[in-house]
């Protein structure tokens, strides 16, 4: 098993509609992902899966999300190892300590 992180982009569903994290977790479990957890109410997931391509995981999650919540949302998946590599490659370590709310990372599907 390998650990992955999934980021949901553009998660706004419209007036009076929202994604409940327990429903999001159940959706991910419903497609066979293991040890699924959500990060507070961010719409981000951490889960385990057999080692398969990131593109396959993204597609499975996007299809399941649209089925469960009635709207397409882009979902970006990266392995835990990729996240750790990204964090240790921070080009602004001093700024991150001094003003952490001013340093951000934008993860995209393609470079």
PDB file of N, CA and C in Angstrom:
ATOM      1  N   UNK A   1       0.846  -1.191   0.000  1.00  0.00           N
ATOM      2  CA  UNK A   1       0.000   0.000   0.000  1.00  0.00           C
ATOM      3  C   UNK A   1       0.884   1.244   0.000  1.00  0.00           C
ATOM      4  N   UNK A   2       0.383   2.257  -0.645  1.00  0.00           N
ATOM      5  CA  UNK A   2       1.098   3.516  -0.749  1.00  0.00           C
ATOM      6  C   UNK A   2       0.165   4.627  -0.272  1.00  0.00           C
ATOM      7  N   UNK A   3       0.704   5.642   0.381  1.00  0.00           N
ATOM      8  CA  UNK A   3      -0.094   6.760   0.871  1.00  0.00           C
ATOM      9  C   UNK A   3      -0.114   7.874  -0.171  1.00  0.00           C
ATOM     10  N   UNK A   4      -1.306   8.459  -0.366  1.00  0.00           N
ATOM     11  CA  UNK A   4      -1.518   9.536  -1.326  1.00  0.00           C
ATOM     12  C   UNK A   4      -2.267  10.686  -0.666  1.00  0.00           C
ATOM     13  N   UNK A   5      -2.147  11.858  -1.275  1.00  0.00           N
ATOM     14  CA  UNK A   5      -2.912  13.039  -0.874  1.00  0.00           C
ATOM     15  C   UNK A   5      -3.670  13.510  -2.098  1.00  0.00           C
ATOM     16  N   UNK A   6      -4.955  13.823  -1.921  1.00  0.00           N
ATOM     17  CA  UNK A   6      -5.784  14.336  -3.010  1.00  0.00           C
ATOM     18  C   UNK A   6      -6.291  15.727  -2.637  1.00  0.00           C
ATOM     19  N   UNK A   7      -6.103  16.676  -3.547  1.00  0.00           N
ATOM     20  CA  UNK A   7      -6.570  18.049  -3.366  1.00  0.00           C
ATOM     21  C   UNK A   7      -7.752  18.288  -4.293  1.00  0.00           C
ATOM     22  N   UNK A   8      -8.844  18.769  -3.751  1.00  0.00           N
ATOM     23  CA  UNK A   8     -10.019  19.066  -4.553  1.00  0.00           C
ATOM     24  C   UNK A   8     -10.015  20.544  -4.897  1.00  0.00           C
ATOM     25  N   UNK A   9     -10.041  20.858  -6.197  1.00  0.00           N
ATOM     26  CA  UNK A   9     -10.045  22.241  -6.666  1.00  0.00           C
ATOM     27  C   UNK A   9     -11.464  22.663  -7.002  1.00  0.00           C
ATOM     28  N   UNK A  10     -11.758  23.951  -6.819  1.00  0.00           N
ATOM     29  CA  UNK A  10     -13.053  24.520  -7.197  1.00  0.00           C
ATOM     30  C   UNK A  10     -14.200  23.733  -6.584  1.00  0.00           C
ATOM     31  N   UNK A  11     -14.172  23.578  -5.292  1.00  0.00           N
ATOM     32  CA  UNK A  11     -15.141  22.716  -4.622  1.00  0.00           C
ATOM     33  C   UNK A  11     -16.466  23.424  -4.325  1.00  0.00           C
ATOM     34  N   UNK A  12     -16.654  24.646  -4.796  1.00  0.00           N
ATOM     35  CA  UNK A  12     -17.901  25.371  -4.567  1.00  0.00           C
ATOM     36  C   UNK A  12     -19.021  24.692  -5.350  1.00  0.00           C
ATOM     37  N   UNK A  13     -20.049  24.262  -4.643  1.00  0.00           N
ATOM     38  CA  UNK A  13     -21.140  23.529  -5.267  1.00  0.00           C
ATOM     39  C   UNK A  13     -22.364  24.383  -5.542  1.00  0.00           C
ATOM     40  N   UNK A  14     -22.441  25.523  -4.936  1.00  0.00           N
ATOM     41  CA  UNK A  14     -23.591  26.394  -5.164  1.00  0.00           C
ATOM     42  C   UNK A  14     -24.347  26.687  -3.882  1.00  0.00           C
ATOM     43  N   UNK A  15     -25.320  27.570  -4.001  1.00  0.00           N
ATOM     44  CA  UNK A  15     -26.115  28.035  -2.866  1.00  0.00           C
ATOM     45  C   UNK A  15     -26.695  26.889  -2.037  1.00  0.00           C
ATOM     46  N   UNK A  16     -26.389  26.881  -0.752  1.00  0.00           N
ATOM     47  CA  UNK A  16     -26.966  25.909   0.161  1.00  0.00           C
ATOM     48  C   UNK A  16     -26.437  24.488   0.036  1.00  0.00           C
ATOM     49  N   UNK A  17     -25.453  24.258  -0.825  1.00  0.00           N
ATOM     50  CA  UNK A  17     -24.905  22.918  -1.000  1.00  0.00           C
ATOM     51  C   UNK A  17     -23.463  22.930  -0.538  1.00  0.00           C
ATOM     52  N   UNK A  18     -23.074  21.880   0.140  1.00  0.00           N
ATOM     53  CA  UNK A  18     -21.697  21.769   0.584  1.00  0.00           C
ATOM     54  C   UNK A  18     -21.293  20.308   0.621  1.00  0.00           C
ATOM     55  N   UNK A  19     -20.004  20.088   0.703  1.00  0.00           N
ATOM     56  CA  UNK A  19     -19.487  18.733   0.786  1.00  0.00           C
ATOM     57  C   UNK A  19     -19.209  18.441   2.256  1.00  0.00           C
ATOM     58  N   UNK A  20     -19.914  17.488   2.797  1.00  0.00           N
ATOM     59  CA  UNK A  20     -19.701  17.055   4.176  1.00  0.00           C
ATOM     60  C   UNK A  20     -18.537  16.066   4.153  1.00  0.00           C
ATOM     61  N   UNK A  21     -17.566  16.282   5.032  1.00  0.00           N
ATOM     62  CA  UNK A  21     -16.349  15.480   4.998  1.00  0.00           C
ATOM     63  C   UNK A  21     -16.628  13.988   5.205  1.00  0.00           C
ATOM     64  N   UNK A  22     -17.617  13.650   6.017  1.00  0.00           N
ATOM     65  CA  UNK A  22     -17.936  12.230   6.197  1.00  0.00           C
ATOM     66  C   UNK A  22     -18.465  11.624   4.898  1.00  0.00           C
ATOM     67  N   UNK A  23     -19.183  12.422   4.104  1.00  0.00           N
ATOM     68  CA  UNK A  23     -19.673  11.950   2.800  1.00  0.00           C
ATOM     69  C   UNK A  23     -18.516  11.802   1.812  1.00  0.00           C
ATOM     70  N   UNK A  24     -17.579  12.736   1.863  1.00  0.00           N
ATOM     71  CA  UNK A  24     -16.404  12.662   0.994  1.00  0.00           C
ATOM     72  C   UNK A  24     -15.576  11.427   1.329  1.00  0.00           C
ATOM     73  N   UNK A  25     -15.403  11.173   2.612  1.00  0.00           N
ATOM     74  CA  UNK A  25     -14.661   9.986   3.058  1.00  0.00           C
ATOM     75  C   UNK A  25     -15.365   8.718   2.592  1.00  0.00           C
ATOM     76  N   UNK A  26     -16.666   8.664   2.748  1.00  0.00           N
ATOM     77  CA  UNK A  26     -17.438   7.491   2.315  1.00  0.00           C
ATOM     78  C   UNK A  26     -17.327   7.292   0.803  1.00  0.00           C
ATOM     79  N   UNK A  27     -17.318   8.384   0.040  1.00  0.00           N
ATOM     80  CA  UNK A  27     -17.175   8.295  -1.406  1.00  0.00           C
ATOM     81  C   UNK A  27     -15.844   7.637  -1.762  1.00  0.00           C
ATOM     82  N   UNK A  28     -14.765   8.078  -1.116  1.00  0.00           N
ATOM     83  CA  UNK A  28     -13.436   7.526  -1.390  1.00  0.00           C
ATOM     84  C   UNK A  28     -13.354   6.060  -0.977  1.00  0.00           C
ATOM     85  N   UNK A  29     -13.937   5.722   0.145  1.00  0.00           N
ATOM     86  CA  UNK A  29     -13.953   4.319   0.571  1.00  0.00           C
ATOM     87  C   UNK A  29     -14.760   3.468  -0.401  1.00  0.00           C
ATOM     88  N   UNK A  30     -15.803   4.062  -0.978  1.00  0.00           N
ATOM     89  CA  UNK A  30     -16.656   3.360  -1.916  1.00  0.00           C
ATOM     90  C   UNK A  30     -15.958   2.951  -3.205  1.00  0.00           C
ATOM     91  N   UNK A  31     -14.847   3.604  -3.527  1.00  0.00           N
ATOM     92  CA  UNK A  31     -14.088   3.206  -4.720  1.00  0.00           C
ATOM     93  C   UNK A  31     -12.851   2.397  -4.347  1.00  0.00           C
ATOM     94  N   UNK A  32     -12.832   1.922  -3.091  1.00  0.00           N
ATOM     95  CA  UNK A  32     -11.795   0.983  -2.687  1.00  0.00           C
ATOM     96  C   UNK A  32     -10.563   1.574  -2.040  1.00  0.00           C
ATOM     97  N   UNK A  33     -10.561   2.887  -1.750  1.00  0.00           N
ATOM     98  CA  UNK A  33      -9.408   3.476  -1.093  1.00  0.00           C
ATOM     99  C   UNK A  33      -9.431   3.108   0.391  1.00  0.00           C
ATOM    100  N   UNK A  34      -8.276   2.955   0.974  1.00  0.00           N
ATOM    101  CA  UNK A  34      -8.155   2.478   2.356  1.00  0.00           C
ATOM    102  C   UNK A  34      -7.658   3.579   3.278  1.00  0.00           C
ATOM    103  N   UNK A  35      -7.973   3.428   4.571  1.00  0.00           N
ATOM    104  CA  UNK A  35      -7.501   4.337   5.618  1.00  0.00           C
ATOM    105  C   UNK A  35      -7.702   5.794   5.199  1.00  0.00           C
ATOM    106  N   UNK A  36      -8.906   6.103   4.708  1.00  0.00           N
ATOM    107  CA  UNK A  36      -9.219   7.437   4.191  1.00  0.00           C
ATOM    108  C   UNK A  36      -9.439   8.401   5.350  1.00  0.00           C
ATOM    109  N   UNK A  37      -8.792   9.557   5.255  1.00  0.00           N
ATOM    110  CA  UNK A  37      -9.011  10.615   6.221  1.00  0.00           C
ATOM    111  C   UNK A  37      -9.136  11.940   5.485  1.00  0.00           C
ATOM    112  N   UNK A  38      -9.863  12.861   6.108  1.00  0.00           N
ATOM    113  CA  UNK A  38      -9.987  14.207   5.557  1.00  0.00           C
ATOM    114  C   UNK A  38      -9.158  15.139   6.429  1.00  0.00           C
ATOM    115  N   UNK A  39      -8.754  16.248   5.852  1.00  0.00           N
ATOM    116  CA  UNK A  39      -7.982  17.239   6.594  1.00  0.00           C
ATOM    117  C   UNK A  39      -8.926  18.362   6.983  1.00  0.00           C
ATOM    118  N   UNK A  40      -9.346  18.358   8.238  1.00  0.00           N
ATOM    119  CA  UNK A  40     -10.326  19.299   8.783  1.00  0.00           C
ATOM    120  C   UNK A  40     -11.510  19.346   7.818  1.00  0.00           C
ATOM    121  N   UNK A  41     -11.917  20.531   7.351  1.00  0.00           N
ATOM    122  CA  UNK A  41     -13.022  20.637   6.390  1.00  0.00           C
ATOM    123  C   UNK A  41     -12.509  21.257   5.093  1.00  0.00           C
ATOM    124  N   UNK A  42     -11.328  20.861   4.683  1.00  0.00           N
ATOM    125  CA  UNK A  42     -10.681  21.469   3.524  1.00  0.00           C
ATOM    126  C   UNK A  42     -11.082  20.838   2.205  1.00  0.00           C
ATOM    127  N   UNK A  43     -11.639  19.650   2.232  1.00  0.00           N
ATOM    128  CA  UNK A  43     -11.914  18.944   0.990  1.00  0.00           C
ATOM    129  C   UNK A  43     -10.700  18.203   0.485  1.00  0.00           C
ATOM    130  N   UNK A  44      -9.682  18.086   1.307  1.00  0.00           N
ATOM    131  CA  UNK A  44      -8.489  17.332   0.936  1.00  0.00           C
ATOM    132  C   UNK A  44      -8.534  15.968   1.609  1.00  0.00           C
ATOM    133  N   UNK A  45      -8.007  14.963   0.911  1.00  0.00           N
ATOM    134  CA  UNK A  45      -8.031  13.591   1.412  1.00  0.00           C
ATOM    135  C   UNK A  45      -6.627  13.037   1.538  1.00  0.00           C
ATOM    136  N   UNK A  46      -6.427  12.192   2.518  1.00  0.00           N
ATOM    137  CA  UNK A  46      -5.232  11.362   2.637  1.00  0.00           C
ATOM    138  C   UNK A  46      -5.747   9.936   2.655  1.00  0.00           C
ATOM    139  N   UNK A  47      -5.119   9.067   1.875  1.00  0.00           N
ATOM    140  CA  UNK A  47      -5.605   7.689   1.788  1.00  0.00           C
ATOM    141  C   UNK A  47      -4.487   6.764   1.358  1.00  0.00           C
ATOM    142  N   UNK A  48      -4.780   5.483   1.423  1.00  0.00           N
ATOM    143  CA  UNK A  48      -3.849   4.460   0.963  1.00  0.00           C
ATOM    144  C   UNK A  48      -4.496   3.695  -0.176  1.00  0.00           C
ATOM    145  N   UNK A  49      -3.641   3.241  -1.094  1.00  0.00           N
ATOM    146  CA  UNK A  49      -4.112   2.469  -2.236  1.00  0.00           C
ATOM    147  C   UNK A  49      -2.963   1.606  -2.721  1.00  0.00           C
ATOM    148  N   UNK A  50      -3.321   0.581  -3.454  1.00  0.00           N
ATOM    149  CA  UNK A  50      -2.285  -0.164  -4.152  1.00  0.00           C
ATOM    150  C   UNK A  50      -1.553   0.832  -5.044  1.00  0.00           C
ATOM    151  N   UNK A  51      -0.307   0.546  -5.346  1.00  0.00           N
ATOM    152  CA  UNK A  51       0.469   1.456  -6.187  1.00  0.00           C
ATOM    153  C   UNK A  51      -0.067   1.400  -7.619  1.00  0.00           C
ATOM    154  N   UNK A  52      -0.779   2.471  -8.010  1.00  0.00           N
ATOM    155  CA  UNK A  52      -1.292   2.619  -9.371  1.00  0.00           C
ATOM    156  C   UNK A  52      -0.967   4.038  -9.823  1.00  0.00           C
ATOM    157  N   UNK A  53      -1.225   4.325 -11.059  1.00  0.00           N
ATOM    158  CA  UNK A  53      -0.853   5.646 -11.573  1.00  0.00           C
ATOM    159  C   UNK A  53      -1.692   6.743 -10.920  1.00  0.00           C
ATOM    160  N   UNK A  54      -1.065   7.883 -10.750  1.00  0.00           N
ATOM    161  CA  UNK A  54      -1.739   9.052 -10.204  1.00  0.00           C
ATOM    162  C   UNK A  54      -2.908   9.440 -11.103  1.00  0.00           C
ATOM    163  N   UNK A  55      -2.717   9.373 -12.413  1.00  0.00           N
ATOM    164  CA  UNK A  55      -3.789   9.727 -13.347  1.00  0.00           C
ATOM    165  C   UNK A  55      -5.012   8.832 -13.151  1.00  0.00           C
ATOM    166  N   UNK A  56      -4.796   7.552 -12.904  1.00  0.00           N
ATOM    167  CA  UNK A  56      -5.903   6.630 -12.670  1.00  0.00           C
ATOM    168  C   UNK A  56      -6.640   7.000 -11.393  1.00  0.00           C
ATOM    169  N   UNK A  57      -5.902   7.314 -10.336  1.00  0.00           N
ATOM    170  CA  UNK A  57      -6.535   7.726  -9.081  1.00  0.00           C
ATOM    171  C   UNK A  57      -7.329   9.013  -9.273  1.00  0.00           C
ATOM    172  N   UNK A  58      -6.760   9.972  -9.988  1.00  0.00           N
ATOM    173  CA  UNK A  58      -7.465  11.231 -10.230  1.00  0.00           C
ATOM    174  C   UNK A  58      -8.776  10.986 -10.963  1.00  0.00           C
ATOM    175  N   UNK A  59      -8.731  10.181 -11.997  1.00  0.00           N
ATOM    176  CA  UNK A  59      -9.944   9.887 -12.773  1.00  0.00           C
ATOM    177  C   UNK A  59     -10.991   9.191 -11.918  1.00  0.00           C
ATOM    178  N   UNK A  60     -10.574   8.184 -11.161  1.00  0.00           N
ATOM    179  CA  UNK A  60     -11.532   7.462 -10.309  1.00  0.00           C
ATOM    180  C   UNK A  60     -12.191   8.394  -9.298  1.00  0.00           C
ATOM    181  N   UNK A  61     -11.388   9.243  -8.673  1.00  0.00           N
ATOM    182  CA  UNK A  61     -11.925  10.178  -7.687  1.00  0.00           C
ATOM    183  C   UNK A  61     -12.862  11.199  -8.333  1.00  0.00           C
ATOM    184  N   UNK A  62     -12.492  11.722  -9.494  1.00  0.00           N
ATOM    185  CA  UNK A  62     -13.337  12.717 -10.160  1.00  0.00           C
ATOM    186  C   UNK A  62     -14.677  12.126 -10.585  1.00  0.00           C
ATOM    187  N   UNK A  63     -14.656  10.917 -11.127  1.00  0.00           N
ATOM    188  CA  UNK A  63     -15.906  10.254 -11.529  1.00  0.00           C
ATOM    189  C   UNK A  63     -16.780   9.991 -10.303  1.00  0.00           C
ATOM    190  N   UNK A  64     -16.183   9.496  -9.231  1.00  0.00           N
ATOM    191  CA  UNK A  64     -16.943   9.212  -8.009  1.00  0.00           C
ATOM    192  C   UNK A  64     -17.499  10.491  -7.400  1.00  0.00           C
ATOM    193  N   UNK A  65     -16.715  11.565  -7.428  1.00  0.00           N
ATOM    194  CA  UNK A  65     -17.174  12.839  -6.870  1.00  0.00           C
ATOM    195  C   UNK A  65     -18.387  13.347  -7.639  1.00  0.00           C
ATOM    196  N   UNK A  66     -18.303  13.316  -8.964  1.00  0.00           N
ATOM    197  CA  UNK A  66     -19.419  13.803  -9.777  1.00  0.00           C
ATOM    198  C   UNK A  66     -20.678  12.972  -9.523  1.00  0.00           C
ATOM    199  N   UNK A  67     -20.505  11.679  -9.386  1.00  0.00           N
ATOM    200  CA  UNK A  67     -21.653  10.801  -9.117  1.00  0.00           C
ATOM    201  C   UNK A  67     -22.252  11.097  -7.740  1.00  0.00           C
ATOM    202  N   UNK A  68     -21.393  11.297  -6.739  1.00  0.00           N
ATOM    203  CA  UNK A  68     -21.866  11.501  -5.368  1.00  0.00           C
ATOM    204  C   UNK A  68     -22.424  12.901  -5.125  1.00  0.00           C
ATOM    205  N   UNK A  69     -21.811  13.916  -5.761  1.00  0.00           N
ATOM    206  CA  UNK A  69     -22.162  15.295  -5.429  1.00  0.00           C
ATOM    207  C   UNK A  69     -22.758  16.086  -6.594  1.00  0.00           C
ATOM    208  N   UNK A  70     -22.872  15.463  -7.771  1.00  0.00           N
ATOM    209  CA  UNK A  70     -23.552  16.099  -8.880  1.00  0.00           C
ATOM    210  C   UNK A  70     -22.803  17.207  -9.584  1.00  0.00           C
ATOM    211  N   UNK A  71     -21.509  17.265  -9.399  1.00  0.00           N
ATOM    212  CA  UNK A  71     -20.711  18.316 -10.041  1.00  0.00           C
ATOM    213  C   UNK A  71     -19.296  17.821 -10.261  1.00  0.00           C
ATOM    214  N   UNK A  72     -18.717  18.162 -11.410  1.00  0.00           N
ATOM    215  CA  UNK A  72     -17.317  17.800 -11.659  1.00  0.00           C
ATOM    216  C   UNK A  72     -16.406  18.729 -10.870  1.00  0.00           C
ATOM    217  N   UNK A  73     -15.395  18.154 -10.254  1.00  0.00           N
ATOM    218  CA  UNK A  73     -14.350  18.902  -9.560  1.00  0.00           C
ATOM    219  C   UNK A  73     -13.018  18.295  -9.963  1.00  0.00           C
ATOM    220  N   UNK A  74     -12.066  19.148 -10.344  1.00  0.00           N
ATOM    221  CA  UNK A  74     -10.719  18.652 -10.626  1.00  0.00           C
ATOM    222  C   UNK A  74     -10.089  18.190  -9.321  1.00  0.00           C
ATOM    223  N   UNK A  75      -9.470  17.022  -9.354  1.00  0.00           N
ATOM    224  CA  UNK A  75      -8.819  16.468  -8.167  1.00  0.00           C
ATOM    225  C   UNK A  75      -7.377  16.151  -8.534  1.00  0.00           C
ATOM    226  N   UNK A  76      -6.453  16.732  -7.779  1.00  0.00           N
ATOM    227  CA  UNK A  76      -5.026  16.545  -8.012  1.00  0.00           C
ATOM    228  C   UNK A  76      -4.501  15.576  -6.954  1.00  0.00           C
ATOM    229  N   UNK A  77      -3.872  14.504  -7.391  1.00  0.00           N
ATOM    230  CA  UNK A  77      -3.344  13.488  -6.475  1.00  0.00           C
ATOM    231  C   UNK A  77      -1.817  13.465  -6.570  1.00  0.00           C
ATOM    232  N   UNK A  78      -1.179  13.352  -5.423  1.00  0.00           N
ATOM    233  CA  UNK A  78       0.267  13.166  -5.354  1.00  0.00           C
ATOM    234  C   UNK A  78       0.557  12.133  -4.259  1.00  0.00           C
ATOM    235  N   UNK A  79       1.645  11.428  -4.420  1.00  0.00           N
ATOM    236  CA  UNK A  79       2.040  10.468  -3.383  1.00  0.00           C
ATOM    237  C   UNK A  79       2.582  11.219  -2.169  1.00  0.00           C
ATOM    238  N   UNK A  80       2.567  10.559  -1.025  1.00  0.00           N
ATOM    239  CA  UNK A  80       3.131  11.160   0.183  1.00  0.00           C
ATOM    240  C   UNK A  80       4.603  11.501  -0.027  1.00  0.00           C
ATOM    241  N   UNK A  81       5.313  10.645  -0.740  1.00  0.00           N
ATOM    242  CA  UNK A  81       6.731  10.897  -1.013  1.00  0.00           C
ATOM    243  C   UNK A  81       6.914  12.184  -1.812  1.00  0.00           C
ATOM    244  N   UNK A  82       6.030  12.415  -2.786  1.00  0.00           N
ATOM    245  CA  UNK A  82       6.105  13.653  -3.566  1.00  0.00           C
ATOM    246  C   UNK A  82       5.864  14.873  -2.689  1.00  0.00           C
ATOM    247  N   UNK A  83       4.911  14.777  -1.746  1.00  0.00           N
ATOM    248  CA  UNK A  83       4.657  15.895  -0.841  1.00  0.00           C
ATOM    249  C   UNK A  83       5.862  16.167   0.046  1.00  0.00           C
ATOM    250  N   UNK A  84       6.477  15.111   0.562  1.00  0.00           N
ATOM    251  CA  UNK A  84       7.662  15.304   1.411  1.00  0.00           C
ATOM    252  C   UNK A  84       8.807  15.926   0.622  1.00  0.00           C
ATOM    253  N   UNK A  85       8.981  15.494  -0.611  1.00  0.00           N
ATOM    254  CA  UNK A  85      10.022  16.066  -1.467  1.00  0.00           C
ATOM    255  C   UNK A  85       9.737  17.551  -1.733  1.00  0.00           C
ATOM    256  N   UNK A  86       8.483  17.874  -1.970  1.00  0.00           N
ATOM    257  CA  UNK A  86       8.098  19.261  -2.191  1.00  0.00           C
ATOM    258  C   UNK A  86       8.391  20.111  -0.951  1.00  0.00           C
ATOM    259  N   UNK A  87       8.028  19.607   0.212  1.00  0.00           N
ATOM    260  CA  UNK A  87       8.241  20.351   1.453  1.00  0.00           C
ATOM    261  C   UNK A  87       9.721  20.577   1.740  1.00  0.00           C
ATOM    262  N   UNK A  88      10.545  19.585   1.483  1.00  0.00           N
ATOM    263  CA  UNK A  88      11.973  19.734   1.757  1.00  0.00           C
ATOM    264  C   UNK A  88      12.681  20.573   0.693  1.00  0.00           C
ATOM    265  N   UNK A  89      12.011  20.847  -0.419  1.00  0.00           N
ATOM    266  CA  UNK A  89      12.582  21.670  -1.485  1.00  0.00           C
ATOM    267  C   UNK A  89      12.111  23.116  -1.412  1.00  0.00           C
ATOM    268  N   UNK A  90      11.504  23.510  -0.328  1.00  0.00           N
ATOM    269  CA  UNK A  90      10.975  24.861  -0.167  1.00  0.00           C
ATOM    270  C   UNK A  90      12.088  25.886  -0.426  1.00  0.00           C
ATOM    271  N   UNK A  91      11.910  26.734  -1.453  1.00  0.00           N
ATOM    272  CA  UNK A  91      12.946  27.726  -1.745  1.00  0.00           C
ATOM    273  C   UNK A  91      12.908  28.934  -0.801  1.00  0.00           C
ATOM    274  N   UNK A  92      11.937  28.984   0.092  1.00  0.00           N
ATOM    275  CA  UNK A  92      11.787  30.107   1.007  1.00  0.00           C
ATOM    276  C   UNK A  92      11.698  29.655   2.465  1.00  0.00           C
ATOM    277  N   UNK A  93      12.674  28.905   2.959  1.00  0.00           N
ATOM    278  CA  UNK A  93      12.542  28.370   4.323  1.00  0.00           C
ATOM    279  C   UNK A  93      12.479  29.457   5.396  1.00  0.00           C
ATOM    280  N   UNK A  94      13.272  30.498   5.286  1.00  0.00           N
ATOM    281  CA  UNK A  94      13.249  31.559   6.297  1.00  0.00           C
ATOM    282  C   UNK A  94      11.914  32.297   6.275  1.00  0.00           C
ATOM    283  N   UNK A  95      11.424  32.612   5.073  1.00  0.00           N
ATOM    284  CA  UNK A  95      10.136  33.298   4.953  1.00  0.00           C
ATOM    285  C   UNK A  95       9.002  32.439   5.506  1.00  0.00           C
ATOM    286  N   UNK A  96       9.098  31.134   5.328  1.00  0.00           N
ATOM    287  CA  UNK A  96       8.065  30.224   5.823  1.00  0.00           C
ATOM    288  C   UNK A  96       7.975  30.247   7.335  1.00  0.00           C
ATOM    289  N   UNK A  97       9.119  30.420   7.992  1.00  0.00           N
ATOM    290  CA  UNK A  97       9.134  30.490   9.451  1.00  0.00           C
ATOM    291  C   UNK A  97       8.624  31.849   9.920  1.00  0.00           C
ATOM    292  N   UNK A  98       9.089  32.910   9.269  1.00  0.00           N
ATOM    293  CA  UNK A  98       8.744  34.273   9.694  1.00  0.00           C
ATOM    294  C   UNK A  98       7.315  34.665   9.336  1.00  0.00           C
ATOM    295  N   UNK A  99       6.848  34.249   8.184  1.00  0.00           N
ATOM    296  CA  UNK A  99       5.518  34.655   7.722  1.00  0.00           C
ATOM    297  C   UNK A  99       4.885  33.499   6.951  1.00  0.00           C
ATOM    298  N   UNK A 100       4.630  32.423   7.654  1.00  0.00           N
ATOM    299  CA  UNK A 100       4.098  31.220   7.027  1.00  0.00           C
ATOM    300  C   UNK A 100       2.806  31.415   6.262  1.00  0.00           C
ATOM    301  N   UNK A 101       2.000  32.391   6.683  1.00  0.00           N
ATOM    302  CA  UNK A 101       0.749  32.639   5.974  1.00  0.00           C
ATOM    303  C   UNK A 101       0.965  33.384   4.655  1.00  0.00           C
ATOM    304  N   UNK A 102       2.206  33.748   4.362  1.00  0.00           N
ATOM    305  CA  UNK A 102       2.520  34.458   3.128  1.00  0.00           C
ATOM    306  C   UNK A 102       3.219  33.579   2.094  1.00  0.00           C
ATOM    307  N   UNK A 103       3.479  32.324   2.446  1.00  0.00           N
ATOM    308  CA  UNK A 103       4.148  31.391   1.534  1.00  0.00           C
ATOM    309  C   UNK A 103       3.150  30.307   1.160  1.00  0.00           C
ATOM    310  N   UNK A 104       2.981  30.085  -0.136  1.00  0.00           N
ATOM    311  CA  UNK A 104       1.995  29.112  -0.600  1.00  0.00           C
ATOM    312  C   UNK A 104       2.582  28.266  -1.721  1.00  0.00           C
ATOM    313  N   UNK A 105       1.966  27.117  -1.925  1.00  0.00           N
ATOM    314  CA  UNK A 105       2.349  26.220  -3.008  1.00  0.00           C
ATOM    315  C   UNK A 105       1.117  26.005  -3.868  1.00  0.00           C
ATOM    316  N   UNK A 106       1.282  26.068  -5.156  1.00  0.00           N
ATOM    317  CA  UNK A 106       0.187  25.762  -6.085  1.00  0.00           C
ATOM    318  C   UNK A 106       0.571  24.476  -6.804  1.00  0.00           C
ATOM    319  N   UNK A 107      -0.181  23.431  -6.562  1.00  0.00           N
ATOM    320  CA  UNK A 107       0.077  22.143  -7.202  1.00  0.00           C
ATOM    321  C   UNK A 107      -0.837  22.050  -8.420  1.00  0.00           C
ATOM    322  N   UNK A 108      -0.237  21.713  -9.545  1.00  0.00           N
ATOM    323  CA  UNK A 108      -1.001  21.636 -10.782  1.00  0.00           C
ATOM    324  C   UNK A 108      -0.841  20.247 -11.396  1.00  0.00           C
ATOM    325  N   UNK A 109      -1.786  19.889 -12.227  1.00  0.00           N
ATOM    326  CA  UNK A 109      -1.742  18.583 -12.858  1.00  0.00           C
ATOM    327  C   UNK A 109      -0.569  18.465 -13.823  1.00  0.00           C
ATOM    328  N   UNK A 110      -0.318  19.518 -14.593  1.00  0.00           N
ATOM    329  CA  UNK A 110       0.780  19.518 -15.553  1.00  0.00           C
ATOM    330  C   UNK A 110       1.689  20.705 -15.282  1.00  0.00           C
ATOM    331  N   UNK A 111       2.981  20.549 -15.569  1.00  0.00           N
ATOM    332  CA  UNK A 111       3.901  21.690 -15.353  1.00  0.00           C
ATOM    333  C   UNK A 111       3.493  22.913 -16.155  1.00  0.00           C
TER     334      UNK A 111
END
